[in-house]
N, C-alpha and C. Protein backbone atom coordinates (compact mmCIF):
# COMPACT_ATOMS: atom_id res chain seq x y z
N MET A 1 -59.11 -77.50 -35.30
CA MET A 1 -59.80 -76.35 -35.88
C MET A 1 -59.02 -75.06 -35.59
N ALA A 2 -58.56 -74.92 -34.34
CA ALA A 2 -57.82 -73.71 -33.97
C ALA A 2 -56.51 -73.64 -34.73
N GLN A 3 -55.90 -74.81 -34.96
CA GLN A 3 -54.63 -74.83 -35.68
C GLN A 3 -54.84 -74.42 -37.14
N ILE A 4 -55.94 -74.84 -37.71
CA ILE A 4 -56.25 -74.47 -39.10
C ILE A 4 -56.48 -72.97 -39.19
N GLU A 5 -57.22 -72.41 -38.21
CA GLU A 5 -57.47 -70.97 -38.22
C GLU A 5 -56.17 -70.20 -38.06
N THR A 6 -55.29 -70.70 -37.23
CA THR A 6 -54.00 -70.05 -37.05
C THR A 6 -53.20 -70.07 -38.35
N GLN A 7 -53.23 -71.20 -39.03
CA GLN A 7 -52.53 -71.29 -40.31
C GLN A 7 -53.14 -70.35 -41.34
N VAL A 8 -54.48 -70.29 -41.36
CA VAL A 8 -55.16 -69.40 -42.30
C VAL A 8 -54.81 -67.95 -41.97
N PHE A 9 -54.80 -67.64 -40.69
CA PHE A 9 -54.49 -66.27 -40.29
C PHE A 9 -53.06 -65.90 -40.65
N SER A 10 -52.11 -66.80 -40.39
CA SER A 10 -50.73 -66.50 -40.75
C SER A 10 -50.58 -66.41 -42.27
N SER A 11 -51.29 -67.27 -42.99
CA SER A 11 -51.26 -67.19 -44.45
C SER A 11 -51.86 -65.87 -44.92
N PHE A 12 -52.95 -65.48 -44.28
CA PHE A 12 -53.62 -64.21 -44.61
C PHE A 12 -52.65 -63.05 -44.40
N ARG A 13 -51.91 -63.07 -43.31
CA ARG A 13 -50.96 -62.00 -43.01
C ARG A 13 -49.84 -61.98 -44.06
N ILE A 14 -49.31 -63.13 -44.39
CA ILE A 14 -48.24 -63.20 -45.39
C ILE A 14 -48.75 -62.72 -46.74
N LEU A 15 -49.95 -63.15 -47.09
CA LEU A 15 -50.52 -62.75 -48.37
C LEU A 15 -50.83 -61.26 -48.41
N SER A 16 -51.29 -60.71 -47.28
CA SER A 16 -51.62 -59.29 -47.28
C SER A 16 -50.37 -58.44 -47.45
N GLU A 17 -49.23 -58.97 -47.03
CA GLU A 17 -47.99 -58.25 -47.26
C GLU A 17 -47.51 -58.42 -48.71
N SER A 18 -47.85 -59.56 -49.30
CA SER A 18 -47.39 -59.85 -50.66
C SER A 18 -48.26 -59.21 -51.72
N PHE A 19 -49.56 -59.23 -51.52
CA PHE A 19 -50.49 -58.70 -52.51
C PHE A 19 -51.06 -57.37 -52.04
N PRO A 20 -50.90 -56.33 -52.84
CA PRO A 20 -51.36 -55.02 -52.40
C PRO A 20 -52.87 -54.82 -52.47
N TYR A 21 -53.58 -55.61 -53.21
CA TYR A 21 -55.01 -55.37 -53.38
C TYR A 21 -55.81 -56.43 -52.65
N PRO A 22 -56.81 -56.02 -51.86
CA PRO A 22 -57.59 -56.98 -51.08
C PRO A 22 -58.32 -58.02 -51.91
N PHE A 23 -58.82 -57.64 -53.10
CA PHE A 23 -59.57 -58.62 -53.89
C PHE A 23 -58.66 -59.75 -54.37
N ARG A 24 -57.39 -59.47 -54.57
CA ARG A 24 -56.45 -60.53 -54.96
C ARG A 24 -56.24 -61.49 -53.79
N ILE A 25 -56.16 -60.96 -52.60
CA ILE A 25 -56.00 -61.81 -51.41
C ILE A 25 -57.22 -62.70 -51.27
N LEU A 26 -58.38 -62.09 -51.40
CA LEU A 26 -59.62 -62.84 -51.24
C LEU A 26 -59.74 -63.94 -52.29
N SER A 27 -59.43 -63.61 -53.53
CA SER A 27 -59.54 -64.64 -54.59
C SER A 27 -58.51 -65.74 -54.39
N PHE A 28 -57.34 -65.39 -53.90
CA PHE A 28 -56.32 -66.39 -53.65
C PHE A 28 -56.74 -67.33 -52.52
N LEU A 29 -57.28 -66.77 -51.45
CA LEU A 29 -57.70 -67.59 -50.33
C LEU A 29 -58.92 -68.44 -50.68
N MET A 30 -59.79 -67.89 -51.50
CA MET A 30 -60.99 -68.63 -51.89
C MET A 30 -60.62 -69.85 -52.74
N ALA A 31 -59.52 -69.77 -53.45
CA ALA A 31 -59.09 -70.89 -54.28
C ALA A 31 -58.61 -72.06 -53.42
N GLY A 32 -58.15 -71.77 -52.20
CA GLY A 32 -57.65 -72.82 -51.30
C GLY A 32 -58.76 -73.38 -50.45
N ASN A 33 -58.43 -73.83 -49.26
CA ASN A 33 -59.38 -74.45 -48.35
C ASN A 33 -60.10 -73.45 -47.45
N ALA A 34 -59.74 -72.18 -47.50
CA ALA A 34 -60.34 -71.18 -46.62
C ALA A 34 -61.78 -70.92 -47.02
N THR A 35 -62.65 -70.86 -46.02
CA THR A 35 -64.06 -70.56 -46.28
C THR A 35 -64.32 -69.10 -45.99
N ILE A 36 -65.44 -68.62 -46.46
CA ILE A 36 -65.81 -67.23 -46.21
C ILE A 36 -66.00 -67.00 -44.72
N ALA A 37 -66.59 -67.95 -44.04
CA ALA A 37 -66.80 -67.81 -42.59
C ALA A 37 -65.47 -67.68 -41.86
N THR A 38 -64.49 -68.48 -42.27
CA THR A 38 -63.16 -68.40 -41.65
C THR A 38 -62.55 -67.03 -41.91
N LEU A 39 -62.67 -66.56 -43.13
CA LEU A 39 -62.13 -65.24 -43.46
C LEU A 39 -62.83 -64.14 -42.68
N GLN A 40 -64.15 -64.25 -42.53
CA GLN A 40 -64.89 -63.25 -41.78
C GLN A 40 -64.45 -63.25 -40.32
N ARG A 41 -64.25 -64.44 -39.76
CA ARG A 41 -63.77 -64.51 -38.37
C ARG A 41 -62.39 -63.88 -38.24
N GLN A 42 -61.54 -64.15 -39.22
CA GLN A 42 -60.20 -63.57 -39.18
C GLN A 42 -60.25 -62.05 -39.27
N ILE A 43 -61.12 -61.55 -40.12
CA ILE A 43 -61.27 -60.10 -40.25
C ILE A 43 -61.80 -59.50 -38.95
N GLN A 44 -62.80 -60.16 -38.35
CA GLN A 44 -63.34 -59.67 -37.07
C GLN A 44 -62.27 -59.70 -35.98
N ASN A 45 -61.49 -60.77 -35.92
CA ASN A 45 -60.42 -60.86 -34.93
C ASN A 45 -59.39 -59.75 -35.13
N GLU A 46 -59.06 -59.51 -36.39
CA GLU A 46 -58.08 -58.45 -36.67
C GLU A 46 -58.64 -57.08 -36.28
N ARG A 47 -59.91 -56.86 -36.54
CA ARG A 47 -60.54 -55.59 -36.13
C ARG A 47 -60.53 -55.44 -34.62
N ARG A 48 -60.81 -56.54 -33.91
CA ARG A 48 -60.78 -56.48 -32.44
C ARG A 48 -59.38 -56.16 -31.94
N ARG A 49 -58.39 -56.83 -32.53
CA ARG A 49 -57.01 -56.57 -32.12
C ARG A 49 -56.62 -55.12 -32.40
N THR A 50 -57.01 -54.64 -33.56
CA THR A 50 -56.71 -53.25 -33.91
C THR A 50 -57.43 -52.29 -32.96
N GLY A 51 -58.69 -52.59 -32.68
CA GLY A 51 -59.45 -51.75 -31.74
C GLY A 51 -58.83 -51.76 -30.36
N PHE A 52 -58.39 -52.92 -29.91
CA PHE A 52 -57.74 -53.02 -28.60
C PHE A 52 -56.44 -52.24 -28.59
N ALA A 53 -55.68 -52.32 -29.68
CA ALA A 53 -54.41 -51.59 -29.76
C ALA A 53 -54.66 -50.09 -29.68
N TRP A 54 -55.69 -49.60 -30.39
CA TRP A 54 -56.00 -48.17 -30.32
C TRP A 54 -56.46 -47.77 -28.92
N ALA A 55 -57.27 -48.63 -28.31
CA ALA A 55 -57.74 -48.33 -26.95
C ALA A 55 -56.56 -48.26 -25.99
N LYS A 56 -55.63 -49.17 -26.14
CA LYS A 56 -54.45 -49.16 -25.27
C LYS A 56 -53.61 -47.91 -25.52
N TYR A 57 -53.47 -47.53 -26.77
CA TYR A 57 -52.72 -46.33 -27.12
C TYR A 57 -53.35 -45.08 -26.50
N TYR A 58 -54.67 -44.94 -26.66
CA TYR A 58 -55.35 -43.77 -26.10
C TYR A 58 -55.34 -43.80 -24.58
N SER A 59 -55.38 -44.97 -24.01
CA SER A 59 -55.30 -45.09 -22.55
C SER A 59 -53.94 -44.60 -22.06
N SER A 60 -52.88 -44.96 -22.76
CA SER A 60 -51.55 -44.49 -22.36
C SER A 60 -51.43 -42.98 -22.54
N LEU A 61 -52.02 -42.45 -23.61
CA LEU A 61 -52.02 -40.99 -23.80
C LEU A 61 -52.77 -40.30 -22.67
N ASN A 62 -53.89 -40.88 -22.26
CA ASN A 62 -54.68 -40.31 -21.18
C ASN A 62 -53.88 -40.31 -19.88
N GLU A 63 -53.14 -41.39 -19.61
CA GLU A 63 -52.32 -41.44 -18.40
C GLU A 63 -51.22 -40.38 -18.44
N GLU A 64 -50.58 -40.21 -19.60
CA GLU A 64 -49.54 -39.19 -19.74
C GLU A 64 -50.14 -37.80 -19.53
N HIS A 65 -51.31 -37.56 -20.09
CA HIS A 65 -51.98 -36.27 -19.95
C HIS A 65 -52.33 -36.00 -18.49
N THR A 66 -52.86 -37.01 -17.81
CA THR A 66 -53.21 -36.87 -16.40
C THR A 66 -51.98 -36.57 -15.56
N GLU A 67 -50.87 -37.23 -15.84
CA GLU A 67 -49.63 -36.99 -15.11
C GLU A 67 -49.12 -35.58 -15.37
N ALA A 68 -49.21 -35.12 -16.62
CA ALA A 68 -48.76 -33.76 -16.94
C ALA A 68 -49.62 -32.72 -16.22
N ILE A 69 -50.92 -32.96 -16.13
CA ILE A 69 -51.80 -32.03 -15.42
C ILE A 69 -51.45 -31.99 -13.94
N SER A 70 -51.23 -33.15 -13.32
CA SER A 70 -50.92 -33.16 -11.89
C SER A 70 -49.57 -32.50 -11.63
N GLN A 71 -48.60 -32.71 -12.53
CA GLN A 71 -47.30 -32.05 -12.37
C GLN A 71 -47.46 -30.53 -12.50
N HIS A 72 -48.28 -30.09 -13.44
CA HIS A 72 -48.52 -28.65 -13.61
C HIS A 72 -49.16 -28.06 -12.36
N ARG A 73 -50.14 -28.77 -11.79
CA ARG A 73 -50.79 -28.28 -10.58
C ARG A 73 -49.82 -28.18 -9.42
N ARG A 74 -48.91 -29.16 -9.29
CA ARG A 74 -47.90 -29.09 -8.22
C ARG A 74 -47.01 -27.87 -8.40
N LEU A 75 -46.61 -27.60 -9.66
CA LEU A 75 -45.77 -26.44 -9.92
C LEU A 75 -46.50 -25.14 -9.62
N VAL A 76 -47.77 -25.06 -10.00
CA VAL A 76 -48.56 -23.86 -9.74
C VAL A 76 -48.71 -23.64 -8.24
N GLU A 77 -48.95 -24.71 -7.49
CA GLU A 77 -49.06 -24.58 -6.03
C GLU A 77 -47.75 -24.08 -5.44
N THR A 78 -46.63 -24.55 -5.95
CA THR A 78 -45.33 -24.11 -5.46
C THR A 78 -45.12 -22.63 -5.74
N ILE A 79 -45.51 -22.19 -6.93
CA ILE A 79 -45.33 -20.80 -7.31
C ILE A 79 -46.24 -19.88 -6.50
N THR A 80 -47.47 -20.31 -6.24
CA THR A 80 -48.42 -19.43 -5.58
C THR A 80 -48.28 -19.43 -4.06
N GLU A 81 -47.44 -20.31 -3.52
CA GLU A 81 -47.21 -20.24 -2.08
C GLU A 81 -46.53 -18.91 -1.78
N GLU A 82 -46.57 -18.53 -0.52
CA GLU A 82 -45.99 -17.25 -0.15
C GLU A 82 -44.52 -17.23 -0.51
N ALA A 83 -44.14 -16.33 -1.41
CA ALA A 83 -42.75 -16.23 -1.84
C ALA A 83 -41.92 -15.47 -0.82
N VAL A 84 -42.51 -14.48 -0.18
CA VAL A 84 -41.82 -13.70 0.84
C VAL A 84 -42.38 -14.11 2.20
N PRO A 85 -41.56 -14.75 3.04
CA PRO A 85 -42.06 -15.17 4.36
C PRO A 85 -42.52 -13.98 5.21
N THR A 86 -43.43 -14.27 6.12
CA THR A 86 -44.03 -13.22 6.95
C THR A 86 -42.99 -12.48 7.78
N HIS A 87 -42.03 -13.20 8.35
CA HIS A 87 -41.03 -12.53 9.20
C HIS A 87 -40.17 -11.55 8.39
N ILE A 88 -39.93 -11.84 7.12
CA ILE A 88 -39.16 -10.91 6.29
C ILE A 88 -40.02 -9.68 5.96
N LYS A 89 -41.31 -9.89 5.73
CA LYS A 89 -42.20 -8.74 5.52
C LYS A 89 -42.19 -7.82 6.73
N THR A 90 -42.24 -8.42 7.91
CA THR A 90 -42.22 -7.63 9.15
C THR A 90 -40.92 -6.85 9.27
N ILE A 91 -39.80 -7.49 8.99
CA ILE A 91 -38.50 -6.81 9.08
C ILE A 91 -38.42 -5.67 8.07
N LEU A 92 -38.87 -5.90 6.84
CA LEU A 92 -38.86 -4.84 5.83
C LEU A 92 -39.72 -3.65 6.23
N THR A 93 -40.88 -3.94 6.79
CA THR A 93 -41.77 -2.87 7.25
C THR A 93 -41.11 -2.07 8.37
N GLU A 94 -40.50 -2.76 9.33
CA GLU A 94 -39.83 -2.07 10.44
C GLU A 94 -38.65 -1.25 9.94
N MET A 95 -37.86 -1.81 9.02
CA MET A 95 -36.71 -1.07 8.48
C MET A 95 -37.18 0.17 7.73
N SER A 96 -38.26 0.04 6.99
CA SER A 96 -38.80 1.18 6.26
C SER A 96 -39.21 2.29 7.21
N ASP A 97 -39.85 1.90 8.32
CA ASP A 97 -40.28 2.89 9.31
C ASP A 97 -39.07 3.55 9.98
N GLU A 98 -38.05 2.77 10.33
CA GLU A 98 -36.87 3.31 11.02
C GLU A 98 -36.05 4.21 10.11
N LEU A 99 -35.92 3.84 8.85
CA LEU A 99 -35.11 4.62 7.93
C LEU A 99 -35.87 5.80 7.33
N LYS A 100 -37.14 5.89 7.67
CA LYS A 100 -38.00 6.95 7.12
C LYS A 100 -38.01 6.89 5.58
N ARG A 101 -37.92 5.67 5.09
CA ARG A 101 -37.93 5.46 3.64
C ARG A 101 -39.35 5.66 3.14
N LYS A 102 -39.49 6.38 2.07
CA LYS A 102 -40.79 6.63 1.48
C LYS A 102 -40.95 5.75 0.24
N TRP A 103 -41.93 4.89 0.29
CA TRP A 103 -42.27 4.04 -0.84
C TRP A 103 -43.48 4.64 -1.53
N SER A 104 -43.54 4.51 -2.84
CA SER A 104 -44.74 4.97 -3.54
C SER A 104 -45.56 3.75 -3.95
N CYS A 105 -46.86 3.88 -3.83
CA CYS A 105 -47.79 2.81 -4.17
C CYS A 105 -47.93 2.76 -5.69
N PRO A 106 -47.79 1.59 -6.32
CA PRO A 106 -47.90 1.52 -7.78
C PRO A 106 -49.34 1.68 -8.29
N ILE A 107 -50.32 1.67 -7.39
CA ILE A 107 -51.71 1.84 -7.82
C ILE A 107 -52.10 3.31 -7.78
N CYS A 108 -51.99 3.93 -6.60
CA CYS A 108 -52.42 5.33 -6.46
C CYS A 108 -51.28 6.32 -6.68
N LEU A 109 -50.04 5.83 -6.75
CA LEU A 109 -48.84 6.62 -6.98
C LEU A 109 -48.54 7.62 -5.86
N ASP A 110 -49.20 7.51 -4.73
CA ASP A 110 -48.91 8.35 -3.57
C ASP A 110 -47.81 7.70 -2.74
N PHE A 111 -47.16 8.52 -1.91
CA PHE A 111 -46.20 7.95 -0.97
C PHE A 111 -46.96 7.20 0.11
N ILE A 112 -46.42 6.08 0.51
CA ILE A 112 -47.09 5.25 1.52
C ILE A 112 -46.76 5.83 2.89
N PRO A 113 -47.78 6.17 3.68
CA PRO A 113 -47.51 6.76 5.00
C PRO A 113 -46.88 5.74 5.95
N GLU A 114 -46.26 6.23 6.98
CA GLU A 114 -45.62 5.37 7.98
C GLU A 114 -46.67 4.47 8.62
N GLY A 115 -46.38 3.18 8.68
CA GLY A 115 -47.32 2.22 9.26
C GLY A 115 -48.37 1.74 8.28
N GLY A 116 -48.38 2.26 7.07
CA GLY A 116 -49.39 1.87 6.09
C GLY A 116 -48.85 1.01 4.97
N LEU A 117 -47.63 0.48 5.14
CA LEU A 117 -47.01 -0.32 4.10
C LEU A 117 -47.53 -1.75 4.13
N GLU A 118 -47.96 -2.24 2.98
CA GLU A 118 -48.39 -3.64 2.82
C GLU A 118 -47.47 -4.28 1.79
N ILE A 119 -46.93 -5.45 2.14
CA ILE A 119 -46.07 -6.19 1.21
C ILE A 119 -46.82 -7.46 0.81
N THR A 120 -47.00 -7.65 -0.49
CA THR A 120 -47.73 -8.84 -0.96
C THR A 120 -46.82 -10.06 -0.91
N SER A 121 -47.41 -11.22 -1.14
CA SER A 121 -46.64 -12.46 -1.12
C SER A 121 -45.60 -12.51 -2.23
N CYS A 122 -45.78 -11.71 -3.27
CA CYS A 122 -44.80 -11.67 -4.36
C CYS A 122 -43.73 -10.62 -4.12
N GLY A 123 -43.85 -9.84 -3.03
CA GLY A 123 -42.81 -8.89 -2.66
C GLY A 123 -43.03 -7.47 -3.12
N HIS A 124 -44.19 -7.13 -3.65
CA HIS A 124 -44.45 -5.76 -4.08
C HIS A 124 -45.06 -4.94 -2.95
N PHE A 125 -44.74 -3.63 -2.95
CA PHE A 125 -45.18 -2.73 -1.88
C PHE A 125 -46.41 -1.95 -2.33
N TYR A 126 -47.40 -1.88 -1.44
CA TYR A 126 -48.63 -1.11 -1.68
C TYR A 126 -49.00 -0.38 -0.40
N CYS A 127 -49.86 0.63 -0.57
CA CYS A 127 -50.44 1.25 0.63
C CYS A 127 -51.63 0.39 1.06
N ARG A 128 -51.91 0.42 2.33
CA ARG A 128 -52.96 -0.44 2.89
C ARG A 128 -54.32 -0.21 2.23
N PRO A 129 -54.75 1.06 1.98
CA PRO A 129 -56.06 1.25 1.34
C PRO A 129 -56.16 0.62 -0.06
N CYS A 130 -55.07 0.63 -0.82
CA CYS A 130 -55.11 0.05 -2.17
C CYS A 130 -55.20 -1.48 -2.11
N VAL A 131 -54.50 -2.11 -1.17
CA VAL A 131 -54.59 -3.56 -1.03
C VAL A 131 -56.00 -3.94 -0.59
N THR A 132 -56.56 -3.17 0.32
CA THR A 132 -57.93 -3.43 0.77
C THR A 132 -58.90 -3.28 -0.40
N ALA A 133 -58.70 -2.24 -1.22
CA ALA A 133 -59.57 -2.03 -2.38
C ALA A 133 -59.41 -3.17 -3.39
N LEU A 134 -58.19 -3.65 -3.58
CA LEU A 134 -57.96 -4.79 -4.48
C LEU A 134 -58.77 -6.00 -4.02
N LYS A 135 -58.70 -6.28 -2.73
CA LYS A 135 -59.40 -7.45 -2.18
C LYS A 135 -60.91 -7.26 -2.22
N ASP A 136 -61.37 -6.04 -1.95
CA ASP A 136 -62.81 -5.78 -1.96
C ASP A 136 -63.40 -5.82 -3.37
N ASN A 137 -62.62 -5.39 -4.35
CA ASN A 137 -63.12 -5.31 -5.72
C ASN A 137 -62.98 -6.61 -6.51
N ALA A 138 -62.36 -7.61 -5.91
CA ALA A 138 -62.22 -8.91 -6.60
C ALA A 138 -63.60 -9.54 -6.73
N HIS A 139 -63.84 -10.16 -7.87
CA HIS A 139 -65.12 -10.83 -8.09
C HIS A 139 -65.26 -12.00 -7.13
N ALA A 140 -66.50 -12.33 -6.83
CA ALA A 140 -66.77 -13.44 -5.90
C ALA A 140 -66.13 -14.72 -6.41
N GLY A 141 -65.33 -15.34 -5.57
CA GLY A 141 -64.68 -16.60 -5.92
C GLY A 141 -63.41 -16.43 -6.74
N ALA A 142 -63.12 -15.21 -7.20
CA ALA A 142 -61.91 -14.98 -7.99
C ALA A 142 -60.73 -14.72 -7.07
N ASP A 143 -59.55 -15.08 -7.54
CA ASP A 143 -58.34 -14.82 -6.77
C ASP A 143 -57.95 -13.36 -6.90
N VAL A 144 -57.43 -12.80 -5.82
CA VAL A 144 -56.92 -11.44 -5.85
C VAL A 144 -55.53 -11.50 -6.46
N GLN A 145 -55.28 -10.65 -7.46
CA GLN A 145 -54.00 -10.67 -8.15
C GLN A 145 -53.23 -9.40 -7.89
N CYS A 146 -51.90 -9.54 -7.85
CA CYS A 146 -51.01 -8.40 -7.68
C CYS A 146 -51.17 -7.50 -8.90
N ALA A 147 -51.22 -6.19 -8.68
CA ALA A 147 -51.39 -5.24 -9.78
C ALA A 147 -50.12 -5.11 -10.62
N VAL A 148 -48.99 -5.54 -10.10
CA VAL A 148 -47.73 -5.42 -10.83
C VAL A 148 -47.42 -6.68 -11.64
N CYS A 149 -47.46 -7.86 -10.98
CA CYS A 149 -47.03 -9.09 -11.66
C CYS A 149 -48.16 -10.09 -11.90
N ARG A 150 -49.36 -9.82 -11.43
CA ARG A 150 -50.56 -10.67 -11.63
C ARG A 150 -50.50 -12.02 -10.91
N ARG A 151 -49.59 -12.16 -9.96
CA ARG A 151 -49.59 -13.39 -9.15
C ARG A 151 -50.71 -13.31 -8.13
N LYS A 152 -51.14 -14.47 -7.68
CA LYS A 152 -52.20 -14.53 -6.68
C LYS A 152 -51.64 -14.04 -5.35
N ILE A 153 -52.39 -13.15 -4.70
CA ILE A 153 -51.98 -12.67 -3.37
C ILE A 153 -53.03 -13.08 -2.35
N LYS A 154 -52.59 -13.18 -1.12
CA LYS A 154 -53.49 -13.63 -0.06
C LYS A 154 -53.86 -12.50 0.85
């Protein structure tokens, strides 16, 4: 029985490639030994195979999408880590104080007083009151962003 179904199925496949119209295939198969029940089973099997193929395709797309998301998250974590190490911030602050260098704050546009220099993780200079105001004015649960480059600051 299984061998007959296999032969019918292979014949059905060959005929479907040869005849462009389904009713011609059906009439041709009906003229032979194929029964309607056999044809219905073959159609159901083909639908299952097609459905399985689509499920497998979408599953692989989902895996690719999940991998792309995780790769994106790793890159974002790398970017948002502290770009300027703490010891370099300390050295820059000390050099600024020793050289009497006057930095202007990009928010309030005033000169930053001695000892009031804040350097963000992205390397931008602010006065301490403006950084405090940035952090205080951030919405609950929202990340504090640099006013110059919009990177997340800590």
